Amino acid sequence: MSDLLIRNIPDHLKADISRRARETGRSLSDEVKELLRKGLLADLEKQAPAGETAYDAMRRAFAGAHLSDADHGKLMEGVEAGREDMGRTVPDPG
């Protein structure tokens, strides 16, 4: 693993993160990592890659669920069993 140094964080932002860390029982560092992970996932959820399959979209939708690989595989097998074509592309909303 590597380190990341973030400079010039506004005091109110650090206070908000510290408060959340206390509320969740995480260290300040672990809380920041969780917030970064959630932010990246939220950004990815907004942007469906061109040609993404329905299977890939489901996998992306459950990315933040903290499932083990085995549990994720079981979930996707269940979804796939109920779908006729998990390989079709996701329609473009635009």
N, C-alpha and C. Protein backbone atom coordinates (compact mmCIF):
# COMPACT_ATOMS: atom_id res chain seq x y z
N MET A 1 0.84 -1.18 0.00
CA MET A 1 0.00 0.00 0.00
C MET A 1 0.88 1.24 0.00
N SER A 2 0.31 2.32 -0.43
CA SER A 2 1.07 3.56 -0.47
C SER A 2 0.37 4.62 0.36
N ASP A 3 1.06 5.72 0.56
CA ASP A 3 0.53 6.84 1.34
C ASP A 3 0.10 7.96 0.41
N LEU A 4 -0.79 8.78 0.92
CA LEU A 4 -1.27 9.94 0.18
C LEU A 4 -1.35 11.10 1.15
N LEU A 5 -0.70 12.19 0.83
CA LEU A 5 -0.71 13.38 1.67
C LEU A 5 -1.59 14.43 1.00
N ILE A 6 -2.57 14.91 1.73
CA ILE A 6 -3.46 15.95 1.19
C ILE A 6 -3.25 17.20 2.02
N ARG A 7 -2.85 18.26 1.37
CA ARG A 7 -2.53 19.52 2.07
C ARG A 7 -3.69 20.51 1.97
N ASN A 8 -3.69 21.44 2.88
CA ASN A 8 -4.60 22.59 2.88
C ASN A 8 -6.07 22.20 2.91
N ILE A 9 -6.41 21.25 3.75
CA ILE A 9 -7.82 20.87 3.93
C ILE A 9 -8.47 21.92 4.82
N PRO A 10 -9.58 22.49 4.40
CA PRO A 10 -10.25 23.49 5.25
C PRO A 10 -10.61 22.88 6.61
N ASP A 11 -10.50 23.71 7.65
CA ASP A 11 -10.76 23.23 9.01
C ASP A 11 -12.16 22.62 9.15
N HIS A 12 -13.16 23.24 8.52
CA HIS A 12 -14.52 22.72 8.67
C HIS A 12 -14.67 21.35 8.01
N LEU A 13 -13.94 21.11 6.91
CA LEU A 13 -14.00 19.81 6.24
C LEU A 13 -13.35 18.74 7.11
N LYS A 14 -12.20 19.06 7.68
CA LYS A 14 -11.53 18.11 8.57
C LYS A 14 -12.40 17.82 9.78
N ALA A 15 -13.05 18.83 10.32
CA ALA A 15 -13.93 18.63 11.47
C ALA A 15 -15.10 17.71 11.10
N ASP A 16 -15.67 17.89 9.91
CA ASP A 16 -16.78 17.03 9.47
C ASP A 16 -16.32 15.58 9.31
N ILE A 17 -15.15 15.40 8.75
CA ILE A 17 -14.63 14.05 8.57
C ILE A 17 -14.31 13.42 9.92
N SER A 18 -13.74 14.20 10.81
CA SER A 18 -13.44 13.70 12.16
C SER A 18 -14.70 13.28 12.89
N ARG A 19 -15.75 14.08 12.75
CA ARG A 19 -17.04 13.76 13.38
C ARG A 19 -17.58 12.45 12.83
N ARG A 20 -17.54 12.29 11.50
CA ARG A 20 -18.02 11.05 10.89
C ARG A 20 -17.19 9.85 11.34
N ALA A 21 -15.89 10.05 11.47
CA ALA A 21 -15.02 8.96 11.91
C ALA A 21 -15.42 8.52 13.32
N ARG A 22 -15.67 9.47 14.20
CA ARG A 22 -16.11 9.11 15.56
C ARG A 22 -17.45 8.39 15.52
N GLU A 23 -18.38 8.87 14.71
CA GLU A 23 -19.71 8.26 14.63
C GLU A 23 -19.66 6.83 14.09
N THR A 24 -18.75 6.57 13.17
CA THR A 24 -18.67 5.24 12.57
C THR A 24 -17.68 4.33 13.28
N GLY A 25 -16.93 4.90 14.24
CA GLY A 25 -15.95 4.10 14.96
C GLY A 25 -14.70 3.80 14.16
N ARG A 26 -14.46 4.59 13.12
CA ARG A 26 -13.26 4.40 12.30
C ARG A 26 -12.23 5.46 12.66
N SER A 27 -10.98 5.16 12.33
CA SER A 27 -9.93 6.16 12.47
C SER A 27 -10.16 7.24 11.41
N LEU A 28 -9.53 8.38 11.60
CA LEU A 28 -9.65 9.46 10.62
C LEU A 28 -9.17 8.98 9.25
N SER A 29 -8.05 8.28 9.23
CA SER A 29 -7.51 7.76 7.98
C SER A 29 -8.47 6.78 7.30
N ASP A 30 -9.03 5.85 8.08
CA ASP A 30 -9.98 4.88 7.51
C ASP A 30 -11.25 5.55 7.02
N GLU A 31 -11.68 6.59 7.73
CA GLU A 31 -12.89 7.31 7.29
C GLU A 31 -12.64 8.01 5.96
N VAL A 32 -11.48 8.63 5.82
CA VAL A 32 -11.14 9.31 4.56
C VAL A 32 -11.08 8.30 3.42
N LYS A 33 -10.48 7.13 3.67
CA LYS A 33 -10.43 6.10 2.62
C LYS A 33 -11.83 5.65 2.23
N GLU A 34 -12.71 5.49 3.21
CA GLU A 34 -14.09 5.08 2.91
C GLU A 34 -14.82 6.16 2.10
N LEU A 35 -14.63 7.42 2.47
CA LEU A 35 -15.27 8.51 1.74
C LEU A 35 -14.74 8.60 0.30
N LEU A 36 -13.45 8.39 0.13
CA LEU A 36 -12.88 8.39 -1.23
C LEU A 36 -13.45 7.24 -2.05
N ARG A 37 -13.52 6.05 -1.43
CA ARG A 37 -14.07 4.87 -2.13
C ARG A 37 -15.51 5.13 -2.55
N LYS A 38 -16.32 5.66 -1.63
CA LYS A 38 -17.72 5.94 -1.94
C LYS A 38 -17.84 6.99 -3.04
N GLY A 39 -17.00 8.00 -3.00
CA GLY A 39 -17.04 9.04 -4.03
C GLY A 39 -16.68 8.50 -5.39
N LEU A 40 -15.68 7.65 -5.44
CA LEU A 40 -15.29 7.04 -6.72
C LEU A 40 -16.38 6.12 -7.24
N LEU A 41 -16.99 5.33 -6.36
CA LEU A 41 -18.07 4.44 -6.79
C LEU A 41 -19.26 5.24 -7.31
N ALA A 42 -19.60 6.33 -6.62
CA ALA A 42 -20.73 7.15 -7.06
C ALA A 42 -20.45 7.74 -8.43
N ASP A 43 -19.21 8.15 -8.65
CA ASP A 43 -18.85 8.70 -9.95
C ASP A 43 -18.93 7.63 -11.04
N LEU A 44 -18.45 6.43 -10.74
CA LEU A 44 -18.51 5.34 -11.71
C LEU A 44 -19.95 4.94 -12.01
N GLU A 45 -20.83 4.98 -11.01
CA GLU A 45 -22.22 4.60 -11.21
C GLU A 45 -22.93 5.56 -12.15
N LYS A 46 -22.48 6.80 -12.21
CA LYS A 46 -23.10 7.78 -13.10
C LYS A 46 -22.68 7.58 -14.54
N GLN A 47 -21.56 6.93 -14.77
CA GLN A 47 -20.99 6.83 -16.11
C GLN A 47 -20.95 5.38 -16.57
N ALA A 48 -21.96 4.96 -17.27
CA ALA A 48 -21.94 3.61 -17.84
C ALA A 48 -21.01 3.62 -19.04
N PRO A 49 -19.98 2.78 -19.03
CA PRO A 49 -19.07 2.73 -20.18
C PRO A 49 -19.80 2.31 -21.46
N ALA A 50 -19.35 2.85 -22.59
CA ALA A 50 -19.96 2.50 -23.87
C ALA A 50 -19.87 1.01 -24.09
N GLY A 51 -20.97 0.40 -24.48
CA GLY A 51 -21.00 -1.03 -24.76
C GLY A 51 -21.05 -1.91 -23.53
N GLU A 52 -21.28 -1.31 -22.35
CA GLU A 52 -21.34 -2.10 -21.12
C GLU A 52 -22.51 -3.07 -21.19
N THR A 53 -22.27 -4.30 -20.77
CA THR A 53 -23.33 -5.29 -20.76
C THR A 53 -24.18 -5.13 -19.50
N ALA A 54 -25.36 -5.72 -19.53
CA ALA A 54 -26.23 -5.69 -18.35
C ALA A 54 -25.54 -6.36 -17.16
N TYR A 55 -24.78 -7.42 -17.43
CA TYR A 55 -24.03 -8.10 -16.37
C TYR A 55 -23.03 -7.14 -15.73
N ASP A 56 -22.30 -6.41 -16.57
CA ASP A 56 -21.32 -5.46 -16.05
C ASP A 56 -22.00 -4.35 -15.26
N ALA A 57 -23.16 -3.89 -15.72
CA ALA A 57 -23.89 -2.85 -15.01
C ALA A 57 -24.34 -3.35 -13.63
N MET A 58 -24.79 -4.59 -13.56
CA MET A 58 -25.18 -5.16 -12.27
C MET A 58 -23.96 -5.28 -11.36
N ARG A 59 -22.86 -5.71 -11.90
CA ARG A 59 -21.64 -5.85 -11.10
C ARG A 59 -21.21 -4.48 -10.56
N ARG A 60 -21.30 -3.45 -11.40
CA ARG A 60 -20.95 -2.10 -10.98
C ARG A 60 -21.92 -1.59 -9.92
N ALA A 61 -23.20 -1.91 -10.07
CA ALA A 61 -24.21 -1.45 -9.12
C ALA A 61 -23.99 -2.04 -7.73
N PHE A 62 -23.46 -3.24 -7.66
CA PHE A 62 -23.24 -3.89 -6.37
C PHE A 62 -21.79 -3.78 -5.91
N ALA A 63 -21.00 -2.96 -6.56
CA ALA A 63 -19.58 -2.85 -6.23
C ALA A 63 -19.36 -2.40 -4.79
N GLY A 64 -20.23 -1.56 -4.27
CA GLY A 64 -20.07 -1.07 -2.90
C GLY A 64 -20.69 -1.93 -1.84
N ALA A 65 -21.20 -3.09 -2.22
CA ALA A 65 -21.90 -3.95 -1.26
C ALA A 65 -20.97 -4.76 -0.38
N HIS A 66 -19.68 -4.72 -0.63
CA HIS A 66 -18.68 -5.45 0.16
C HIS A 66 -18.97 -6.94 0.21
N LEU A 67 -19.36 -7.50 -0.91
CA LEU A 67 -19.58 -8.94 -0.99
C LEU A 67 -18.25 -9.63 -1.28
N SER A 68 -18.10 -10.83 -0.75
CA SER A 68 -16.92 -11.61 -1.11
C SER A 68 -17.08 -12.02 -2.58
N ASP A 69 -16.00 -12.44 -3.19
CA ASP A 69 -16.08 -12.88 -4.59
C ASP A 69 -17.07 -14.03 -4.74
N ALA A 70 -17.07 -14.94 -3.76
CA ALA A 70 -17.99 -16.09 -3.83
C ALA A 70 -19.44 -15.62 -3.72
N ASP A 71 -19.72 -14.71 -2.76
CA ASP A 71 -21.08 -14.21 -2.60
C ASP A 71 -21.52 -13.40 -3.81
N HIS A 72 -20.60 -12.61 -4.36
CA HIS A 72 -20.93 -11.83 -5.54
C HIS A 72 -21.25 -12.76 -6.71
N GLY A 73 -20.46 -13.83 -6.83
CA GLY A 73 -20.71 -14.81 -7.88
C GLY A 73 -22.08 -15.45 -7.75
N LYS A 74 -22.47 -15.77 -6.51
CA LYS A 74 -23.80 -16.36 -6.27
C LYS A 74 -24.90 -15.38 -6.63
N LEU A 75 -24.72 -14.11 -6.24
CA LEU A 75 -25.70 -13.08 -6.58
C LEU A 75 -25.86 -12.98 -8.09
N MET A 76 -24.74 -12.91 -8.80
CA MET A 76 -24.81 -12.75 -10.24
C MET A 76 -25.36 -14.00 -10.92
N GLU A 77 -25.07 -15.17 -10.38
CA GLU A 77 -25.66 -16.40 -10.94
C GLU A 77 -27.18 -16.36 -10.81
N GLY A 78 -27.67 -15.90 -9.67
CA GLY A 78 -29.11 -15.79 -9.47
C GLY A 78 -29.74 -14.79 -10.41
N VAL A 79 -29.09 -13.65 -10.58
CA VAL A 79 -29.60 -12.64 -11.51
C VAL A 79 -29.59 -13.18 -12.93
N GLU A 80 -28.48 -13.81 -13.28
CA GLU A 80 -28.33 -14.34 -14.63
C GLU A 80 -29.36 -15.43 -14.93
N ALA A 81 -29.67 -16.24 -13.93
CA ALA A 81 -30.64 -17.32 -14.13
C ALA A 81 -32.04 -16.75 -14.43
N GLY A 82 -32.31 -15.55 -13.94
CA GLY A 82 -33.62 -14.94 -14.16
C GLY A 82 -33.69 -14.05 -15.38
N ARG A 83 -32.60 -13.92 -16.09
CA ARG A 83 -32.56 -13.05 -17.26
C ARG A 83 -32.34 -13.86 -18.53
N GLU A 84 -32.92 -13.42 -19.60
CA GLU A 84 -32.73 -14.14 -20.87
C GLU A 84 -31.39 -13.80 -21.50
N ASP A 85 -30.99 -12.53 -21.44
CA ASP A 85 -29.78 -12.15 -22.15
C ASP A 85 -29.00 -11.12 -21.33
N MET A 86 -28.07 -11.59 -20.53
CA MET A 86 -27.26 -10.68 -19.74
C MET A 86 -26.13 -10.05 -20.57
N GLY A 87 -26.00 -10.46 -21.80
CA GLY A 87 -24.93 -9.92 -22.64
C GLY A 87 -25.36 -8.73 -23.49
N ARG A 88 -26.62 -8.38 -23.43
CA ARG A 88 -27.04 -7.24 -24.25
C ARG A 88 -26.48 -5.95 -23.65
N THR A 89 -26.30 -4.96 -24.48
CA THR A 89 -25.74 -3.69 -24.00
C THR A 89 -26.81 -2.88 -23.30
N VAL A 90 -26.34 -2.03 -22.40
CA VAL A 90 -27.25 -1.15 -21.66
C VAL A 90 -27.66 -0.03 -22.61
N PRO A 91 -28.97 0.29 -22.68
CA PRO A 91 -29.41 1.35 -23.59
C PRO A 91 -28.82 2.71 -23.19
N ASP A 92 -28.51 3.51 -24.17
CA ASP A 92 -28.00 4.84 -23.93
C ASP A 92 -29.14 5.74 -23.48
N PRO A 93 -29.04 6.34 -22.26
CA PRO A 93 -30.13 7.16 -21.74
C PRO A 93 -30.28 8.48 -22.49
N GLY A 94 -29.28 8.87 -23.25
CA GLY A 94 -29.32 10.17 -23.93
C GLY A 94 -29.97 10.05 -25.22
